[in-house]
Amino acid sequence: MAKLTSGSWDPPIDSFLFKVQNSPEFFNYYNVPEEEAMDLALQRARGYLVEAASRISFECSPDVDFMDIDADFGEFGFALTNEEVELLANLMFEMFIAKDIAKLRVHINLLTSQDLKNVYGVGYAERRSFMEMYDRLQQNNNVLIDRYASKDRLTGKRKTISFKG
């Protein structure tokens, strides 16, 4: 039997923030006071959460409606399981990394390899390693979505398909 949390967005957002705690660019903004910077970081995290919920809805047929959200109160219309909290946080992290990939691709197209090494201090091997890490992250999240979709969210029992002939 799965343990349920509230429908609040706080648990997945807190888990996501723990995952990005060593990424100063997520929390620091130029000439912005610390409190306002944290508010901006939380706004971004909420955006990632909505994107993650959408992805779950699009990629599988969950037992609950992940688009049943109240953005004003930061709540889902259902209680989350711990597994759903972590699935959302992992997808949010992937979306966070994807933003860096998009920036990196723009710079790669504009700069030579030597320029990238001079500006960012990273060469081809570092960029390739980063892209491989991102690919693994995507693959792991796809596996998590598949596992989530194959089980009853409350009992954890595998769903079965009944064929009527």
N, C-alpha and C. Protein backbone atom coordinates (compact mmCIF):
# COMPACT_ATOMS: atom_id res chain seq x y z
N MET A 1 0.84 -1.17 0.00
CA MET A 1 0.00 0.00 0.00
C MET A 1 0.89 1.24 0.00
N ALA A 2 0.63 2.15 -0.91
CA ALA A 2 1.43 3.36 -1.05
C ALA A 2 1.07 4.38 0.04
N LYS A 3 2.09 5.07 0.50
CA LYS A 3 1.88 6.16 1.46
C LYS A 3 1.53 7.41 0.67
N LEU A 4 0.47 8.07 1.07
CA LEU A 4 0.03 9.27 0.38
C LEU A 4 0.49 10.51 1.12
N THR A 5 0.90 11.49 0.35
CA THR A 5 1.18 12.82 0.91
C THR A 5 -0.04 13.66 0.60
N SER A 6 0.02 14.91 0.86
CA SER A 6 -1.08 15.79 0.46
C SER A 6 -1.00 16.00 -1.05
N GLY A 7 -1.92 16.76 -1.58
CA GLY A 7 -1.88 17.11 -2.99
C GLY A 7 -1.01 18.33 -3.25
N SER A 8 -0.37 18.80 -2.20
CA SER A 8 0.45 20.00 -2.31
C SER A 8 1.62 19.81 -3.25
N TRP A 9 2.01 20.88 -3.90
CA TRP A 9 3.17 20.86 -4.79
C TRP A 9 4.47 20.88 -3.99
N ASP A 10 4.40 21.16 -2.70
CA ASP A 10 5.62 21.31 -1.90
C ASP A 10 6.53 20.08 -1.91
N PRO A 11 6.02 18.85 -1.70
CA PRO A 11 6.94 17.70 -1.70
C PRO A 11 7.74 17.53 -2.99
N PRO A 12 7.10 17.55 -4.19
CA PRO A 12 7.94 17.40 -5.39
C PRO A 12 8.87 18.59 -5.60
N ILE A 13 8.43 19.79 -5.26
CA ILE A 13 9.29 20.96 -5.42
C ILE A 13 10.48 20.87 -4.46
N ASP A 14 10.23 20.47 -3.22
CA ASP A 14 11.32 20.33 -2.25
C ASP A 14 12.33 19.28 -2.73
N SER A 15 11.83 18.16 -3.25
CA SER A 15 12.72 17.12 -3.76
C SER A 15 13.54 17.63 -4.94
N PHE A 16 12.90 18.37 -5.83
CA PHE A 16 13.61 18.96 -6.97
C PHE A 16 14.67 19.95 -6.50
N LEU A 17 14.33 20.83 -5.56
CA LEU A 17 15.29 21.81 -5.07
C LEU A 17 16.50 21.12 -4.42
N PHE A 18 16.26 19.99 -3.77
CA PHE A 18 17.38 19.23 -3.22
C PHE A 18 18.30 18.75 -4.34
N LYS A 19 17.72 18.34 -5.47
CA LYS A 19 18.51 17.85 -6.60
C LYS A 19 19.35 18.96 -7.25
N VAL A 20 18.87 20.20 -7.19
CA VAL A 20 19.58 21.31 -7.84
C VAL A 20 20.31 22.21 -6.85
N GLN A 21 20.40 21.78 -5.61
CA GLN A 21 20.99 22.64 -4.58
C GLN A 21 22.43 23.06 -4.88
N ASN A 22 23.14 22.27 -5.66
CA ASN A 22 24.52 22.61 -6.00
C ASN A 22 24.63 23.37 -7.31
N SER A 23 23.51 23.84 -7.82
CA SER A 23 23.49 24.61 -9.07
C SER A 23 23.20 26.07 -8.73
N PRO A 24 24.25 26.85 -8.45
CA PRO A 24 24.02 28.22 -8.00
C PRO A 24 23.23 29.07 -9.00
N GLU A 25 23.34 28.75 -10.30
CA GLU A 25 22.63 29.57 -11.28
C GLU A 25 21.11 29.43 -11.14
N PHE A 26 20.64 28.37 -10.50
CA PHE A 26 19.20 28.23 -10.31
C PHE A 26 18.70 29.18 -9.23
N PHE A 27 19.53 29.47 -8.25
CA PHE A 27 19.11 30.27 -7.10
C PHE A 27 19.62 31.70 -7.11
N ASN A 28 20.65 31.98 -7.89
CA ASN A 28 21.25 33.31 -7.89
C ASN A 28 20.86 34.09 -9.14
N TYR A 29 20.50 35.32 -8.94
CA TYR A 29 20.14 36.21 -10.04
C TYR A 29 20.90 37.51 -9.85
N TYR A 30 21.36 38.07 -10.94
CA TYR A 30 22.17 39.27 -10.90
C TYR A 30 21.39 40.43 -10.27
N ASN A 31 21.98 41.05 -9.24
CA ASN A 31 21.41 42.21 -8.56
C ASN A 31 20.01 41.98 -8.02
N VAL A 32 19.72 40.78 -7.55
CA VAL A 32 18.42 40.47 -6.98
C VAL A 32 18.64 40.03 -5.53
N PRO A 33 17.90 40.63 -4.59
CA PRO A 33 18.05 40.22 -3.19
C PRO A 33 17.72 38.73 -3.01
N GLU A 34 18.30 38.13 -1.97
CA GLU A 34 18.18 36.69 -1.74
C GLU A 34 16.73 36.22 -1.66
N GLU A 35 15.89 36.94 -0.96
CA GLU A 35 14.49 36.54 -0.81
C GLU A 35 13.76 36.56 -2.16
N GLU A 36 14.00 37.60 -2.93
CA GLU A 36 13.37 37.70 -4.26
C GLU A 36 13.93 36.61 -5.19
N ALA A 37 15.21 36.30 -5.07
CA ALA A 37 15.82 35.25 -5.88
C ALA A 37 15.17 33.90 -5.57
N MET A 38 14.90 33.64 -4.29
CA MET A 38 14.25 32.38 -3.92
C MET A 38 12.83 32.34 -4.49
N ASP A 39 12.13 33.46 -4.48
CA ASP A 39 10.80 33.51 -5.08
C ASP A 39 10.86 33.19 -6.58
N LEU A 40 11.86 33.74 -7.26
CA LEU A 40 12.03 33.45 -8.69
C LEU A 40 12.35 31.97 -8.91
N ALA A 41 13.20 31.41 -8.07
CA ALA A 41 13.54 29.98 -8.18
C ALA A 41 12.29 29.12 -7.98
N LEU A 42 11.45 29.48 -7.02
CA LEU A 42 10.23 28.73 -6.77
C LEU A 42 9.25 28.85 -7.94
N GLN A 43 9.18 30.02 -8.57
CA GLN A 43 8.34 30.18 -9.75
C GLN A 43 8.82 29.27 -10.88
N ARG A 44 10.12 29.22 -11.08
CA ARG A 44 10.67 28.33 -12.11
C ARG A 44 10.36 26.88 -11.77
N ALA A 45 10.52 26.50 -10.51
CA ALA A 45 10.25 25.12 -10.09
C ALA A 45 8.78 24.77 -10.32
N ARG A 46 7.89 25.69 -10.05
CA ARG A 46 6.45 25.44 -10.31
C ARG A 46 6.21 25.22 -11.80
N GLY A 47 6.89 25.98 -12.63
CA GLY A 47 6.76 25.79 -14.08
C GLY A 47 7.24 24.42 -14.50
N TYR A 48 8.38 23.99 -13.94
CA TYR A 48 8.88 22.65 -14.24
C TYR A 48 7.90 21.58 -13.75
N LEU A 49 7.26 21.84 -12.61
CA LEU A 49 6.31 20.86 -12.07
C LEU A 49 5.11 20.69 -13.02
N VAL A 50 4.59 21.77 -13.52
CA VAL A 50 3.47 21.69 -14.45
C VAL A 50 3.89 20.95 -15.73
N GLU A 51 5.11 21.24 -16.21
CA GLU A 51 5.62 20.53 -17.39
C GLU A 51 5.76 19.03 -17.10
N ALA A 52 6.25 18.68 -15.92
CA ALA A 52 6.42 17.28 -15.55
C ALA A 52 5.07 16.57 -15.47
N ALA A 53 4.08 17.24 -14.87
CA ALA A 53 2.74 16.67 -14.78
C ALA A 53 2.15 16.45 -16.18
N SER A 54 2.39 17.40 -17.06
CA SER A 54 1.91 17.26 -18.44
C SER A 54 2.57 16.07 -19.12
N ARG A 55 3.85 15.92 -18.90
CA ARG A 55 4.56 14.80 -19.54
C ARG A 55 4.00 13.47 -19.07
N ILE A 56 3.74 13.33 -17.78
CA ILE A 56 3.16 12.08 -17.29
C ILE A 56 1.82 11.84 -17.95
N SER A 57 1.00 12.88 -18.06
CA SER A 57 -0.31 12.74 -18.68
C SER A 57 -0.23 12.34 -20.13
N PHE A 58 0.76 12.88 -20.86
CA PHE A 58 0.89 12.59 -22.28
C PHE A 58 1.53 11.23 -22.56
N GLU A 59 2.45 10.80 -21.70
CA GLU A 59 3.22 9.59 -21.99
C GLU A 59 2.62 8.31 -21.44
N CYS A 60 1.66 8.42 -20.55
CA CYS A 60 1.01 7.21 -20.04
C CYS A 60 -0.43 7.55 -19.68
N SER A 61 -1.16 6.58 -19.26
CA SER A 61 -2.56 6.79 -18.83
C SER A 61 -2.62 6.61 -17.33
N PRO A 62 -2.24 7.66 -16.59
CA PRO A 62 -2.20 7.50 -15.13
C PRO A 62 -3.60 7.29 -14.54
N ASP A 63 -3.62 6.72 -13.34
CA ASP A 63 -4.87 6.46 -12.64
C ASP A 63 -5.53 7.75 -12.14
N VAL A 64 -4.76 8.82 -12.11
CA VAL A 64 -5.28 10.13 -11.68
C VAL A 64 -4.99 11.14 -12.78
N ASP A 65 -5.68 12.25 -12.73
CA ASP A 65 -5.50 13.30 -13.73
C ASP A 65 -4.45 14.30 -13.25
N PHE A 66 -3.23 14.19 -13.79
CA PHE A 66 -2.16 15.08 -13.38
C PHE A 66 -2.39 16.53 -13.82
N MET A 67 -3.37 16.73 -14.68
CA MET A 67 -3.69 18.09 -15.09
C MET A 67 -4.78 18.70 -14.20
N ASP A 68 -5.22 17.95 -13.20
CA ASP A 68 -6.16 18.45 -12.20
C ASP A 68 -5.35 19.23 -11.17
N ILE A 69 -5.02 20.46 -11.56
CA ILE A 69 -4.15 21.29 -10.72
C ILE A 69 -4.83 22.60 -10.39
N ASP A 70 -4.47 23.12 -9.26
CA ASP A 70 -4.90 24.45 -8.85
C ASP A 70 -3.63 25.27 -8.66
N ALA A 71 -3.27 26.00 -9.70
CA ALA A 71 -2.02 26.76 -9.68
C ALA A 71 -2.04 27.86 -8.63
N ASP A 72 -3.22 28.39 -8.33
CA ASP A 72 -3.31 29.46 -7.33
C ASP A 72 -2.92 28.96 -5.94
N PHE A 73 -3.30 27.73 -5.63
CA PHE A 73 -2.99 27.16 -4.32
C PHE A 73 -1.80 26.21 -4.36
N GLY A 74 -1.29 25.90 -5.56
CA GLY A 74 -0.17 24.98 -5.68
C GLY A 74 -0.52 23.59 -5.22
N GLU A 75 -1.62 23.07 -5.77
CA GLU A 75 -2.08 21.75 -5.35
C GLU A 75 -2.60 20.95 -6.54
N PHE A 76 -2.46 19.64 -6.40
CA PHE A 76 -3.14 18.72 -7.29
C PHE A 76 -4.50 18.43 -6.69
N GLY A 77 -5.42 17.94 -7.49
CA GLY A 77 -6.74 17.59 -7.00
C GLY A 77 -6.79 16.20 -6.39
N PHE A 78 -5.66 15.66 -6.04
CA PHE A 78 -5.55 14.33 -5.45
C PHE A 78 -4.29 14.29 -4.60
N ALA A 79 -4.23 13.32 -3.69
CA ALA A 79 -3.04 13.15 -2.86
C ALA A 79 -2.00 12.39 -3.66
N LEU A 80 -0.75 12.82 -3.54
CA LEU A 80 0.36 12.19 -4.24
C LEU A 80 0.93 11.02 -3.44
N THR A 81 1.36 9.99 -4.15
CA THR A 81 2.13 8.93 -3.49
C THR A 81 3.58 9.38 -3.46
N ASN A 82 4.37 8.74 -2.61
CA ASN A 82 5.81 9.06 -2.57
C ASN A 82 6.45 8.80 -3.92
N GLU A 83 6.01 7.74 -4.61
CA GLU A 83 6.55 7.43 -5.93
C GLU A 83 6.25 8.56 -6.92
N GLU A 84 5.06 9.12 -6.85
CA GLU A 84 4.70 10.23 -7.74
C GLU A 84 5.51 11.48 -7.43
N VAL A 85 5.76 11.72 -6.15
CA VAL A 85 6.59 12.86 -5.75
C VAL A 85 7.97 12.75 -6.40
N GLU A 86 8.59 11.58 -6.30
CA GLU A 86 9.93 11.41 -6.85
C GLU A 86 9.92 11.39 -8.38
N LEU A 87 8.89 10.82 -8.98
CA LEU A 87 8.78 10.83 -10.44
C LEU A 87 8.68 12.27 -10.93
N LEU A 88 7.83 13.06 -10.32
CA LEU A 88 7.71 14.47 -10.70
C LEU A 88 9.04 15.20 -10.53
N ALA A 89 9.71 15.00 -9.39
CA ALA A 89 10.98 15.69 -9.13
C ALA A 89 12.04 15.29 -10.15
N ASN A 90 12.10 14.00 -10.51
CA ASN A 90 13.07 13.55 -11.50
C ASN A 90 12.78 14.16 -12.87
N LEU A 91 11.52 14.23 -13.25
CA LEU A 91 11.18 14.85 -14.53
C LEU A 91 11.48 16.35 -14.51
N MET A 92 11.24 16.99 -13.38
CA MET A 92 11.56 18.41 -13.25
C MET A 92 13.06 18.63 -13.43
N PHE A 93 13.86 17.75 -12.84
CA PHE A 93 15.32 17.86 -12.97
C PHE A 93 15.74 17.70 -14.43
N GLU A 94 15.13 16.75 -15.12
CA GLU A 94 15.43 16.57 -16.54
C GLU A 94 15.12 17.86 -17.32
N MET A 95 14.00 18.48 -17.01
CA MET A 95 13.62 19.71 -17.72
C MET A 95 14.59 20.85 -17.40
N PHE A 96 15.07 20.88 -16.17
CA PHE A 96 16.06 21.87 -15.77
C PHE A 96 17.34 21.68 -16.58
N ILE A 97 17.81 20.44 -16.69
CA ILE A 97 19.02 20.15 -17.47
C ILE A 97 18.78 20.43 -18.95
N ALA A 98 17.59 20.15 -19.43
CA ALA A 98 17.27 20.39 -20.85
C ALA A 98 17.44 21.86 -21.22
N LYS A 99 17.19 22.76 -20.30
CA LYS A 99 17.37 24.19 -20.57
C LYS A 99 18.85 24.49 -20.82
N ASP A 100 19.73 23.82 -20.06
CA ASP A 100 21.17 23.99 -20.28
C ASP A 100 21.59 23.40 -21.62
N ILE A 101 20.98 22.29 -22.00
CA ILE A 101 21.28 21.67 -23.29
C ILE A 101 20.93 22.65 -24.42
N ALA A 102 19.78 23.28 -24.30
CA ALA A 102 19.36 24.23 -25.34
C ALA A 102 20.35 25.39 -25.44
N LYS A 103 20.79 25.91 -24.28
CA LYS A 103 21.78 27.00 -24.30
C LYS A 103 23.10 26.53 -24.90
N LEU A 104 23.52 25.33 -24.52
CA LEU A 104 24.78 24.78 -25.02
C LEU A 104 24.73 24.61 -26.53
N ARG A 105 23.61 24.13 -27.05
CA ARG A 105 23.49 23.92 -28.49
C ARG A 105 23.59 25.23 -29.26
N VAL A 106 23.00 26.29 -28.73
CA VAL A 106 23.09 27.59 -29.38
C VAL A 106 24.55 28.03 -29.43
N HIS A 107 25.24 27.91 -28.31
CA HIS A 107 26.64 28.32 -28.25
C HIS A 107 27.53 27.46 -29.14
N ILE A 108 27.26 26.17 -29.17
CA ILE A 108 28.06 25.27 -30.01
C ILE A 108 27.94 25.68 -31.47
N ASN A 109 26.74 26.07 -31.87
CA ASN A 109 26.53 26.47 -33.27
C ASN A 109 27.20 27.80 -33.60
N LEU A 110 27.41 28.63 -32.59
CA LEU A 110 27.97 29.95 -32.83
C LEU A 110 29.48 30.01 -32.65
N LEU A 111 30.02 29.12 -31.83
CA LEU A 111 31.44 29.19 -31.48
C LEU A 111 32.20 27.97 -32.00
N THR A 112 33.46 28.15 -32.22
CA THR A 112 34.32 27.02 -32.59
C THR A 112 34.63 26.22 -31.32
N SER A 113 35.20 25.05 -31.50
CA SER A 113 35.58 24.22 -30.37
C SER A 113 36.58 24.94 -29.47
N GLN A 114 37.53 25.63 -30.08
CA GLN A 114 38.53 26.36 -29.29
C GLN A 114 37.87 27.51 -28.53
N ASP A 115 36.91 28.20 -29.17
CA ASP A 115 36.18 29.27 -28.49
C ASP A 115 35.47 28.72 -27.26
N LEU A 116 34.79 27.57 -27.42
CA LEU A 116 34.08 26.97 -26.29
C LEU A 116 35.04 26.62 -25.17
N LYS A 117 36.19 26.10 -25.55
CA LYS A 117 37.16 25.74 -24.52
C LYS A 117 37.68 26.99 -23.81
N ASN A 118 37.93 28.07 -24.56
CA ASN A 118 38.42 29.30 -23.96
C ASN A 118 37.36 29.98 -23.09
N VAL A 119 36.12 29.99 -23.57
CA VAL A 119 35.06 30.70 -22.85
C VAL A 119 34.55 29.89 -21.66
N TYR A 120 34.26 28.61 -21.90
CA TYR A 120 33.62 27.80 -20.87
C TYR A 120 34.59 26.87 -20.16
N GLY A 121 35.80 26.75 -20.67
CA GLY A 121 36.76 25.86 -20.05
C GLY A 121 36.41 24.39 -20.25
N VAL A 122 35.57 24.12 -21.21
CA VAL A 122 35.20 22.73 -21.48
C VAL A 122 35.48 22.41 -22.93
N GLY A 123 35.96 21.25 -23.15
CA GLY A 123 36.23 20.79 -24.50
C GLY A 123 35.20 19.77 -24.94
N TYR A 124 35.54 19.10 -26.02
CA TYR A 124 34.64 18.13 -26.60
C TYR A 124 34.29 17.01 -25.62
N ALA A 125 35.27 16.49 -24.90
CA ALA A 125 35.03 15.37 -23.98
C ALA A 125 34.05 15.76 -22.88
N GLU A 126 34.18 16.97 -22.35
CA GLU A 126 33.28 17.42 -21.30
C GLU A 126 31.87 17.61 -21.83
N ARG A 127 31.77 18.17 -23.03
CA ARG A 127 30.42 18.36 -23.62
C ARG A 127 29.79 17.00 -23.89
N ARG A 128 30.58 16.06 -24.44
CA ARG A 128 30.06 14.73 -24.73
C ARG A 128 29.62 14.04 -23.43
N SER A 129 30.41 14.17 -22.38
CA SER A 129 30.07 13.57 -21.09
C SER A 129 28.76 14.15 -20.55
N PHE A 130 28.59 15.45 -20.68
CA PHE A 130 27.36 16.11 -20.23
C PHE A 130 26.16 15.59 -21.02
N MET A 131 26.32 15.48 -22.34
CA MET A 131 25.23 14.99 -23.19
C MET A 131 24.91 13.52 -22.86
N GLU A 132 25.93 12.72 -22.59
CA GLU A 132 25.69 11.32 -22.22
C GLU A 132 24.94 11.24 -20.89
N MET A 133 25.30 12.09 -19.94
CA MET A 133 24.60 12.13 -18.67
C MET A 133 23.14 12.50 -18.89
N TYR A 134 22.88 13.47 -19.74
CA TYR A 134 21.51 13.88 -20.03
C TYR A 134 20.73 12.75 -20.71
N ASP A 135 21.37 12.06 -21.64
CA ASP A 135 20.72 10.93 -22.31
C ASP A 135 20.34 9.84 -21.30
N ARG A 136 21.26 9.54 -20.37
CA ARG A 136 20.96 8.55 -19.33
C ARG A 136 19.81 9.01 -18.45
N LEU A 137 19.80 10.28 -18.11
CA LEU A 137 18.73 10.85 -17.30
C LEU A 137 17.38 10.67 -18.01
N GLN A 138 17.33 10.97 -19.30
CA GLN A 138 16.10 10.79 -20.07
C GLN A 138 15.68 9.32 -20.09
N GLN A 139 16.63 8.43 -20.34
CA GLN A 139 16.31 7.00 -20.39
C GLN A 139 15.80 6.51 -19.04
N ASN A 140 16.44 6.92 -17.96
CA ASN A 140 15.99 6.52 -16.62
C ASN A 140 14.59 7.03 -16.34
N ASN A 141 14.31 8.27 -16.73
CA ASN A 141 12.98 8.81 -16.51
C ASN A 141 11.93 8.10 -17.35
N ASN A 142 12.29 7.70 -18.57
CA ASN A 142 11.36 6.93 -19.39
C ASN A 142 11.03 5.59 -18.74
N VAL A 143 12.05 4.96 -18.15
CA VAL A 143 11.84 3.69 -17.43
C VAL A 143 10.93 3.94 -16.22
N LEU A 144 11.17 5.01 -15.49
CA LEU A 144 10.33 5.32 -14.33
C LEU A 144 8.87 5.55 -14.73
N ILE A 145 8.66 6.24 -15.84
CA ILE A 145 7.29 6.46 -16.33
C ILE A 145 6.66 5.13 -16.70
N ASP A 146 7.39 4.29 -17.40
CA ASP A 146 6.86 2.97 -17.79
C ASP A 146 6.51 2.14 -16.56
N ARG A 147 7.39 2.13 -15.57
CA ARG A 147 7.11 1.37 -14.33
C ARG A 147 5.89 1.94 -13.62
N TYR A 148 5.82 3.25 -13.56
CA TYR A 148 4.68 3.90 -12.90
C TYR A 148 3.38 3.53 -13.61
N ALA A 149 3.39 3.56 -14.92
CA ALA A 149 2.18 3.29 -15.70
C ALA A 149 1.75 1.83 -15.60
N SER A 150 2.68 0.94 -15.30
CA SER A 150 2.36 -0.49 -15.29
C SER A 150 1.81 -0.97 -13.94
N LYS A 151 1.75 -0.09 -12.94
CA LYS A 151 1.31 -0.50 -11.61
C LYS A 151 0.13 0.35 -11.15
N ASP A 152 -0.67 -0.24 -10.29
CA ASP A 152 -1.71 0.52 -9.61
C ASP A 152 -1.01 1.49 -8.66
N ARG A 153 -1.37 2.73 -8.71
CA ARG A 153 -0.65 3.74 -7.94
C ARG A 153 -0.78 3.56 -6.43
N LEU A 154 -1.86 2.96 -5.96
CA LEU A 154 -2.07 2.82 -4.52
C LEU A 154 -1.60 1.48 -3.97
N THR A 155 -1.83 0.41 -4.71
CA THR A 155 -1.45 -0.91 -4.21
C THR A 155 -0.06 -1.33 -4.65
N GLY A 156 0.43 -0.76 -5.76
CA GLY A 156 1.72 -1.14 -6.29
C GLY A 156 1.67 -2.43 -7.10
N LYS A 157 0.49 -3.02 -7.21
CA LYS A 157 0.35 -4.27 -7.96
C LYS A 157 0.37 -3.96 -9.46
N ARG A 158 0.96 -4.89 -10.21
CA ARG A 158 1.04 -4.74 -11.65
C ARG A 158 -0.36 -4.79 -12.25
N LYS A 159 -0.57 -3.91 -13.21
CA LYS A 159 -1.84 -3.90 -13.92
C LYS A 159 -1.84 -5.06 -14.91
N THR A 160 -2.97 -5.64 -15.10
CA THR A 160 -3.08 -6.73 -16.08
C THR A 160 -4.03 -6.31 -17.18
N ILE A 161 -3.84 -6.91 -18.30
CA ILE A 161 -4.69 -6.64 -19.45
C ILE A 161 -5.61 -7.83 -19.62
N SER A 162 -6.90 -7.58 -19.66
CA SER A 162 -7.81 -8.70 -19.87
C SER A 162 -8.28 -8.65 -21.32
N PHE A 163 -8.15 -9.80 -21.96
CA PHE A 163 -8.56 -9.91 -23.35
C PHE A 163 -9.91 -10.61 -23.40
N LYS A 164 -10.82 -10.01 -24.10
CA LYS A 164 -12.12 -10.64 -24.29
C LYS A 164 -12.20 -11.12 -25.71
N GLY A 165 -12.42 -12.39 -25.88
CA GLY A 165 -12.37 -12.96 -27.22
C GLY A 165 -13.65 -13.36 -27.76
